[in-house]
Amino acid sequence: MNIKPTKLSKENLHQSLNRLLNAFESHGMNVEGSLLPPINEIELRRRCSWFPGDLPDEVVALYEWRGGQEKDALETEFPFLFRDNSFCSIDRAEFEYKVMMESYGKHLPDHEMLKYSFPIAAFNGSWYVIPTRGHNLDSTLKRPVISVNQDIDIYFYTIEKMIETCAEWVEHENYSPDGLYPESLEMKIWRKHNPAIFS
């Protein structure tokens, strides 16, 4: 694939996140109640001193919108999900990062990439991470959202594309807390925002 890089717009990202939040709420899912307050950049960098890489604009913009989810999905009635992974608080991101590095991070071909990848969402031993020092999956995508779960694959071309995809999924009348079905419909929306994904 050959994707033209675009500059991150914090304003657009926050608008898309609000759209996703409103989509959940429109289904009677009170996700707002599980989200922590925003974190400013200085405080975020201080609290992420455990992370060996520099925080990219994507991570900073995400946490300036909200500070993640207070508890994980299993402890939350209505989790704020990016597909099937819930939005990590900073404390949870630190925990999930350590778990990821103790498992997938021990695989030498992926070690460096994962060492410098920030986990923004997680669920039950799977993660969505944003690479901060490059990756070994597709050179045309600078900062995709990568799924670490059995395999390590690009799931969304950018964080913006992830939020747009998730918002359209959740806005659909067929959406339920278990996801969007049939799978062919989910994939149609996925490819609309991330053309040729998984090809």
C-alpha atoms as a PDB file:
ATOM      1  CA  MET A   1       0.000   0.000   0.000  1.00  0.00           C
ATOM      2  CA  ASN A   2       1.114   3.583  -0.559  1.00  0.00           C
ATOM      3  CA  ILE A   3      -0.524   5.951   1.915  1.00  0.00           C
ATOM      4  CA  LYS A   4       0.255   9.648   1.746  1.00  0.00           C
ATOM      5  CA  PRO A   5       1.162  10.836   5.276  1.00  0.00           C
ATOM      6  CA  THR A   6      -0.924  13.642   6.734  1.00  0.00           C
ATOM      7  CA  LYS A   7      -0.169  15.889   9.673  1.00  0.00           C
ATOM      8  CA  LEU A   8      -2.063  15.072  12.848  1.00  0.00           C
ATOM      9  CA  SER A   9      -4.836  17.524  13.681  1.00  0.00           C
ATOM     10  CA  LYS A  10      -5.502  17.484  17.411  1.00  0.00           C
ATOM     11  CA  GLU A  11      -8.786  19.332  16.882  1.00  0.00           C
ATOM     12  CA  ASN A  12     -10.019  16.777  14.342  1.00  0.00           C
ATOM     13  CA  LEU A  13      -8.914  13.890  16.549  1.00  0.00           C
ATOM     14  CA  HIS A  14     -10.824  15.290  19.521  1.00  0.00           C
ATOM     15  CA  GLN A  15     -13.918  15.838  17.358  1.00  0.00           C
ATOM     16  CA  SER A  16     -13.751  12.207  16.210  1.00  0.00           C
ATOM     17  CA  LEU A  17     -13.330  10.995  19.787  1.00  0.00           C
ATOM     18  CA  ASN A  18     -16.387  13.017  20.828  1.00  0.00           C
ATOM     19  CA  ARG A  19     -18.265  11.481  17.908  1.00  0.00           C
ATOM     20  CA  LEU A  20     -17.310   7.993  19.126  1.00  0.00           C
ATOM     21  CA  LEU A  21     -18.307   8.837  22.699  1.00  0.00           C
ATOM     22  CA  ASN A  22     -21.684  10.173  21.504  1.00  0.00           C
ATOM     23  CA  ALA A  23     -22.214   7.027  19.416  1.00  0.00           C
ATOM     24  CA  PHE A  24     -21.793   4.833  22.505  1.00  0.00           C
ATOM     25  CA  GLU A  25     -24.104   7.080  24.510  1.00  0.00           C
ATOM     26  CA  SER A  26     -26.758   6.938  21.755  1.00  0.00           C
ATOM     27  CA  HIS A  27     -26.978   3.170  22.387  1.00  0.00           C
ATOM     28  CA  GLY A  28     -27.544   3.777  26.103  1.00  0.00           C
ATOM     29  CA  MET A  29     -23.942   2.910  26.964  1.00  0.00           C
ATOM     30  CA  ASN A  30     -22.711   5.408  29.579  1.00  0.00           C
ATOM     31  CA  VAL A  31     -19.043   5.360  28.641  1.00  0.00           C
ATOM     32  CA  GLU A  32     -18.510   8.955  29.796  1.00  0.00           C
ATOM     33  CA  GLY A  33     -18.739   7.793  33.400  1.00  0.00           C
ATOM     34  CA  SER A  34     -15.745   5.479  33.041  1.00  0.00           C
ATOM     35  CA  LEU A  35     -13.350   8.051  31.543  1.00  0.00           C
ATOM     36  CA  LEU A  36     -10.734   9.980  33.493  1.00  0.00           C
ATOM     37  CA  PRO A  37     -10.122  13.741  33.080  1.00  0.00           C
ATOM     38  CA  PRO A  38      -7.735  15.006  30.380  1.00  0.00           C
ATOM     39  CA  ILE A  39      -4.002  15.119  31.117  1.00  0.00           C
ATOM     40  CA  ASN A  40      -1.923  18.065  29.926  1.00  0.00           C
ATOM     41  CA  GLU A  41       1.293  17.357  28.029  1.00  0.00           C
ATOM     42  CA  ILE A  42       3.701  18.254  30.833  1.00  0.00           C
ATOM     43  CA  GLU A  43       1.908  16.036  33.337  1.00  0.00           C
ATOM     44  CA  LEU A  44       1.563  13.253  30.771  1.00  0.00           C
ATOM     45  CA  ARG A  45       5.290  13.199  30.046  1.00  0.00           C
ATOM     46  CA  ARG A  46       6.044  13.200  33.769  1.00  0.00           C
ATOM     47  CA  ARG A  47       3.710  10.281  34.407  1.00  0.00           C
ATOM     48  CA  CYS A  48       5.090   8.336  31.430  1.00  0.00           C
ATOM     49  CA  SER A  49       8.708   8.431  32.575  1.00  0.00           C
ATOM     50  CA  TRP A  50       8.543   4.593  32.613  1.00  0.00           C
ATOM     51  CA  PHE A  51       8.231   4.544  28.813  1.00  0.00           C
ATOM     52  CA  PRO A  52      11.653   4.377  27.084  1.00  0.00           C
ATOM     53  CA  GLY A  53      10.590   6.264  23.957  1.00  0.00           C
ATOM     54  CA  ASP A  54       9.494   9.837  23.367  1.00  0.00           C
ATOM     55  CA  LEU A  55       5.723  10.301  23.354  1.00  0.00           C
ATOM     56  CA  PRO A  56       4.515  11.136  19.835  1.00  0.00           C
ATOM     57  CA  ASP A  57       1.883  13.758  19.059  1.00  0.00           C
ATOM     58  CA  GLU A  58      -0.738  11.026  18.620  1.00  0.00           C
ATOM     59  CA  VAL A  59      -0.393   9.801  22.203  1.00  0.00           C
ATOM     60  CA  VAL A  60      -0.239  13.332  23.620  1.00  0.00           C
ATOM     61  CA  ALA A  61      -3.384  14.383  21.717  1.00  0.00           C
ATOM     62  CA  LEU A  62      -5.276  11.262  22.815  1.00  0.00           C
ATOM     63  CA  TYR A  63      -4.617  11.815  26.519  1.00  0.00           C
ATOM     64  CA  GLU A  64      -5.280  15.543  26.262  1.00  0.00           C
ATOM     65  CA  TRP A  65      -8.822  14.510  25.298  1.00  0.00           C
ATOM     66  CA  ARG A  66      -9.352  12.130  28.246  1.00  0.00           C
ATOM     67  CA  GLY A  67      -6.995  10.362  30.633  1.00  0.00           C
ATOM     68  CA  GLY A  68      -8.079   6.868  29.641  1.00  0.00           C
ATOM     69  CA  GLN A  69     -10.504   4.546  31.364  1.00  0.00           C
ATOM     70  CA  GLU A  70     -10.429   4.243  35.137  1.00  0.00           C
ATOM     71  CA  LYS A  71     -10.755   0.426  35.170  1.00  0.00           C
ATOM     72  CA  ASP A  72     -10.280  -2.256  32.549  1.00  0.00           C
ATOM     73  CA  ALA A  73     -13.138  -3.561  30.418  1.00  0.00           C
ATOM     74  CA  LEU A  74     -13.876  -6.565  32.656  1.00  0.00           C
ATOM     75  CA  GLU A  75     -14.517  -4.221  35.611  1.00  0.00           C
ATOM     76  CA  THR A  76     -16.537  -1.643  33.666  1.00  0.00           C
ATOM     77  CA  GLU A  77     -20.189  -1.921  32.683  1.00  0.00           C
ATOM     78  CA  PHE A  78     -19.756   0.265  29.606  1.00  0.00           C
ATOM     79  CA  PRO A  79     -16.084   0.405  28.583  1.00  0.00           C
ATOM     80  CA  PHE A  80     -14.805   2.944  26.071  1.00  0.00           C
ATOM     81  CA  LEU A  81     -13.647   0.552  23.359  1.00  0.00           C
ATOM     82  CA  PHE A  82     -11.540   0.864  20.264  1.00  0.00           C
ATOM     83  CA  ARG A  83     -13.159  -2.160  18.602  1.00  0.00           C
ATOM     84  CA  ASP A  84     -12.372  -4.830  21.224  1.00  0.00           C
ATOM     85  CA  ASN A  85      -9.681  -3.143  23.331  1.00  0.00           C
ATOM     86  CA  SER A  86     -10.450  -0.581  26.030  1.00  0.00           C
ATOM     87  CA  PHE A  87      -8.755   2.816  26.348  1.00  0.00           C
ATOM     88  CA  CYS A  88      -5.881   2.491  28.854  1.00  0.00           C
ATOM     89  CA  SER A  89      -5.308   4.906  31.706  1.00  0.00           C
ATOM     90  CA  ILE A  90      -1.650   5.862  32.137  1.00  0.00           C
ATOM     91  CA  ASP A  91      -1.260   3.544  35.127  1.00  0.00           C
ATOM     92  CA  ARG A  92      -2.812   0.708  33.173  1.00  0.00           C
ATOM     93  CA  ALA A  93      -0.692   1.477  30.106  1.00  0.00           C
ATOM     94  CA  GLU A  94       2.418   1.046  32.266  1.00  0.00           C
ATOM     95  CA  PHE A  95       1.153  -2.317  33.546  1.00  0.00           C
ATOM     96  CA  GLU A  96       0.126  -3.494  30.056  1.00  0.00           C
ATOM     97  CA  TYR A  97       3.455  -2.409  28.585  1.00  0.00           C
ATOM     98  CA  LYS A  98       5.346  -4.561  31.099  1.00  0.00           C
ATOM     99  CA  VAL A  99       3.110  -7.577  30.418  1.00  0.00           C
ATOM    100  CA  MET A 100       3.534  -7.134  26.669  1.00  0.00           C
ATOM    101  CA  MET A 101       7.325  -6.887  26.925  1.00  0.00           C
ATOM    102  CA  GLU A 102       7.483  -9.965  29.158  1.00  0.00           C
ATOM    103  CA  SER A 103       5.632 -11.969  26.502  1.00  0.00           C
ATOM    104  CA  TYR A 104       5.708 -10.709  22.901  1.00  0.00           C
ATOM    105  CA  GLY A 105       8.662  -8.449  23.660  1.00  0.00           C
ATOM    106  CA  LYS A 106      10.897 -11.470  24.218  1.00  0.00           C
ATOM    107  CA  HIS A 107      10.606 -12.370  20.521  1.00  0.00           C
ATOM    108  CA  LEU A 108      13.814 -10.863  19.151  1.00  0.00           C
ATOM    109  CA  PRO A 109      12.544  -9.809  15.684  1.00  0.00           C
ATOM    110  CA  ASP A 110       9.823  -7.691  17.332  1.00  0.00           C
ATOM    111  CA  HIS A 111      11.630  -6.623  20.506  1.00  0.00           C
ATOM    112  CA  GLU A 112      12.891  -3.208  19.364  1.00  0.00           C
ATOM    113  CA  MET A 113       9.607  -2.233  17.743  1.00  0.00           C
ATOM    114  CA  LEU A 114       7.556  -3.209  20.802  1.00  0.00           C
ATOM    115  CA  LYS A 115      10.037  -1.663  23.229  1.00  0.00           C
ATOM    116  CA  TYR A 116       9.231   1.720  21.714  1.00  0.00           C
ATOM    117  CA  SER A 117       5.495   1.141  21.138  1.00  0.00           C
ATOM    118  CA  PHE A 118       2.992   2.772  23.480  1.00  0.00           C
ATOM    119  CA  PRO A 119      -0.092   0.706  24.470  1.00  0.00           C
ATOM    120  CA  ILE A 120      -3.151   2.948  24.143  1.00  0.00           C
ATOM    121  CA  ALA A 121      -5.720   0.157  24.525  1.00  0.00           C
ATOM    122  CA  ALA A 122      -5.793  -3.395  25.841  1.00  0.00           C
ATOM    123  CA  PHE A 123      -7.959  -6.342  26.745  1.00  0.00           C
ATOM    124  CA  ASN A 124      -7.094  -9.714  28.214  1.00  0.00           C
ATOM    125  CA  GLY A 125      -3.597 -10.131  26.750  1.00  0.00           C
ATOM    126  CA  SER A 126      -4.079  -8.170  23.537  1.00  0.00           C
ATOM    127  CA  TRP A 127      -3.006  -4.609  22.807  1.00  0.00           C
ATOM    128  CA  TYR A 128      -3.292  -1.727  20.369  1.00  0.00           C
ATOM    129  CA  VAL A 129       0.030   0.071  20.293  1.00  0.00           C
ATOM    130  CA  ILE A 130       1.457   3.105  18.510  1.00  0.00           C
ATOM    131  CA  PRO A 131       5.101   2.701  17.401  1.00  0.00           C
ATOM    132  CA  THR A 132       7.290   5.679  18.278  1.00  0.00           C
ATOM    133  CA  ARG A 133      10.579   4.688  16.596  1.00  0.00           C
ATOM    134  CA  GLY A 134       9.452   3.003  13.415  1.00  0.00           C
ATOM    135  CA  HIS A 135       8.241  -0.532  12.821  1.00  0.00           C
ATOM    136  CA  ASN A 136       8.950  -3.522  10.609  1.00  0.00           C
ATOM    137  CA  LEU A 137       5.499  -3.922   9.034  1.00  0.00           C
ATOM    138  CA  ASP A 138       4.950  -1.321   6.293  1.00  0.00           C
ATOM    139  CA  SER A 139       7.418   1.453   5.497  1.00  0.00           C
ATOM    140  CA  THR A 140       4.739   3.680   3.929  1.00  0.00           C
ATOM    141  CA  LEU A 141       2.902   4.047   7.254  1.00  0.00           C
ATOM    142  CA  LYS A 142       4.767   6.171   9.777  1.00  0.00           C
ATOM    143  CA  ARG A 143       2.623   5.701  12.853  1.00  0.00           C
ATOM    144  CA  PRO A 144      -0.128   3.103  12.396  1.00  0.00           C
ATOM    145  CA  VAL A 145      -2.115   1.459  15.170  1.00  0.00           C
ATOM    146  CA  ILE A 146      -0.721  -2.057  15.539  1.00  0.00           C
ATOM    147  CA  SER A 147      -2.553  -4.990  17.074  1.00  0.00           C
ATOM    148  CA  VAL A 148      -0.484  -7.301  19.268  1.00  0.00           C
ATOM    149  CA  ASN A 149      -2.580 -10.424  19.703  1.00  0.00           C
ATOM    150  CA  GLN A 150      -1.284 -13.823  18.558  1.00  0.00           C
ATOM    151  CA  ASP A 151       0.103 -12.052  15.482  1.00  0.00           C
ATOM    152  CA  ILE A 152       1.447  -8.516  15.182  1.00  0.00           C
ATOM    153  CA  ASP A 153      -0.425  -6.652  12.440  1.00  0.00           C
ATOM    154  CA  ILE A 154      -1.385  -3.170  11.353  1.00  0.00           C
ATOM    155  CA  TYR A 155      -5.078  -2.738  12.185  1.00  0.00           C
ATOM    156  CA  PHE A 156      -5.525   0.956  11.336  1.00  0.00           C
ATOM    157  CA  TYR A 157      -3.403   3.252   9.173  1.00  0.00           C
ATOM    158  CA  THR A 158      -3.370   6.064  11.771  1.00  0.00           C
ATOM    159  CA  ILE A 159      -4.990   6.847  15.098  1.00  0.00           C
ATOM    160  CA  GLU A 160      -7.370   9.177  13.244  1.00  0.00           C
ATOM    161  CA  LYS A 161      -8.439   6.322  10.957  1.00  0.00           C
ATOM    162  CA  MET A 162      -8.952   4.082  13.977  1.00  0.00           C
ATOM    163  CA  ILE A 163     -11.294   6.562  15.643  1.00  0.00           C
ATOM    164  CA  GLU A 164     -13.208   7.240  12.406  1.00  0.00           C
ATOM    165  CA  THR A 165     -13.612   3.493  11.822  1.00  0.00           C
ATOM    166  CA  CYS A 166     -14.745   2.819  15.383  1.00  0.00           C
ATOM    167  CA  ALA A 167     -17.198   5.725  15.314  1.00  0.00           C
ATOM    168  CA  GLU A 168     -18.861   4.451  12.152  1.00  0.00           C
ATOM    169  CA  TRP A 169     -19.066   0.939  13.593  1.00  0.00           C
ATOM    170  CA  VAL A 170     -20.704   2.126  16.810  1.00  0.00           C
ATOM    171  CA  GLU A 171     -23.069   4.515  15.011  1.00  0.00           C
ATOM    172  CA  HIS A 172     -24.506   1.623  13.005  1.00  0.00           C
ATOM    173  CA  GLU A 173     -27.948   0.370  14.024  1.00  0.00           C
ATOM    174  CA  ASN A 174     -26.592  -3.212  14.187  1.00  0.00           C
ATOM    175  CA  TYR A 175     -24.027  -2.315  16.855  1.00  0.00           C
ATOM    176  CA  SER A 176     -24.314  -3.886  20.305  1.00  0.00           C
ATOM    177  CA  PRO A 177     -21.942  -4.156  23.290  1.00  0.00           C
ATOM    178  CA  ASP A 178     -20.617  -7.328  21.633  1.00  0.00           C
ATOM    179  CA  GLY A 179     -19.609  -5.477  18.450  1.00  0.00           C
ATOM    180  CA  LEU A 180     -20.914  -4.999  14.918  1.00  0.00           C
ATOM    181  CA  TYR A 181     -22.316  -7.921  12.963  1.00  0.00           C
ATOM    182  CA  PRO A 182     -22.303  -9.396  10.417  1.00  0.00           C
ATOM    183  CA  GLU A 183     -18.517  -9.445  10.108  1.00  0.00           C
ATOM    184  CA  SER A 184     -18.789  -8.539   6.421  1.00  0.00           C
ATOM    185  CA  LEU A 185     -20.351  -5.210   7.427  1.00  0.00           C
ATOM    186  CA  GLU A 186     -17.625  -4.576   9.968  1.00  0.00           C
ATOM    187  CA  MET A 187     -14.976  -5.293   7.322  1.00  0.00           C
ATOM    188  CA  LYS A 188     -16.675  -3.044   4.748  1.00  0.00           C
ATOM    189  CA  ILE A 189     -16.430  -0.069   7.130  1.00  0.00           C
ATOM    190  CA  TRP A 190     -12.901  -1.078   8.160  1.00  0.00           C
ATOM    191  CA  ARG A 191     -11.717  -1.007   4.529  1.00  0.00           C
ATOM    192  CA  LYS A 192     -13.590   2.207   3.791  1.00  0.00           C
ATOM    193  CA  HIS A 193     -11.311   4.043   6.214  1.00  0.00           C
ATOM    194  CA  ASN A 194      -8.232   1.809   5.789  1.00  0.00           C
ATOM    195  CA  PRO A 195      -8.264   0.718   2.118  1.00  0.00           C
ATOM    196  CA  ALA A 196      -6.738  -2.689   1.387  1.00  0.00           C
ATOM    197  CA  ILE A 197      -6.234  -3.417   5.087  1.00  0.00           C
ATOM    198  CA  PHE A 198      -5.138  -7.050   5.617  1.00  0.00           C
ATOM    199  CA  SER A 199      -4.538  -7.481   1.862  1.00  0.00           C
END
